[in-house]
Structures are given as C-alpha cells and as structure tokens.
C-alpha cells in the first residue's frame, strides 16, 4: 500500500472498554484480605465467607435472559469473518 493511500483512509476508532465491577467483588476482597491477615482456616473469617456465599446465592437467583438466537448467530458470524482474514 502506498503512503498516500494510508493517509486517505479514514481513522477507525475503537470504543473505550469499560469494566464494571462484579457484584460480589467487595465480599471476595474482604475474604481474601481476612485470609491474608489470618490463615485460611481462621474462625474470624467466617463472617466474610458467609457474606460472600449469600451474595453468590443471590446472584444465582436472578433470572437474566439467556442469549438470544440472533445474538449467538451474530457472534458466530463475527468469529467466522475473523478466521477468513
């Protein structure tokens, strides 16, 4: 490709990636910090472990809609296009 052609091409900008914290991240961090300060079997960390288990159990009860067929087909088509490049 000639240098002039590279200049004429429009710039392609990628959208910024935003990472959202998971819902149980605070409980996991609290439990890991307790384990680091004490030991893994310390009874003082039981409260943190219970908080994490209740948070994770609440996450399992949510009824998030499953991926739709159209969305799955979109991602499959996108992955196929990448392989052909």
Foldseek 3Di string as FASTA:
>chain_A
DDPVVVVPDDDDDDDDDDDDDDPLVVLVVVLVVVCVVPNNPDPVSVVSVVVSVVRVVVVVPDDDPDDDPVRVVVVVVVVVVVVVD
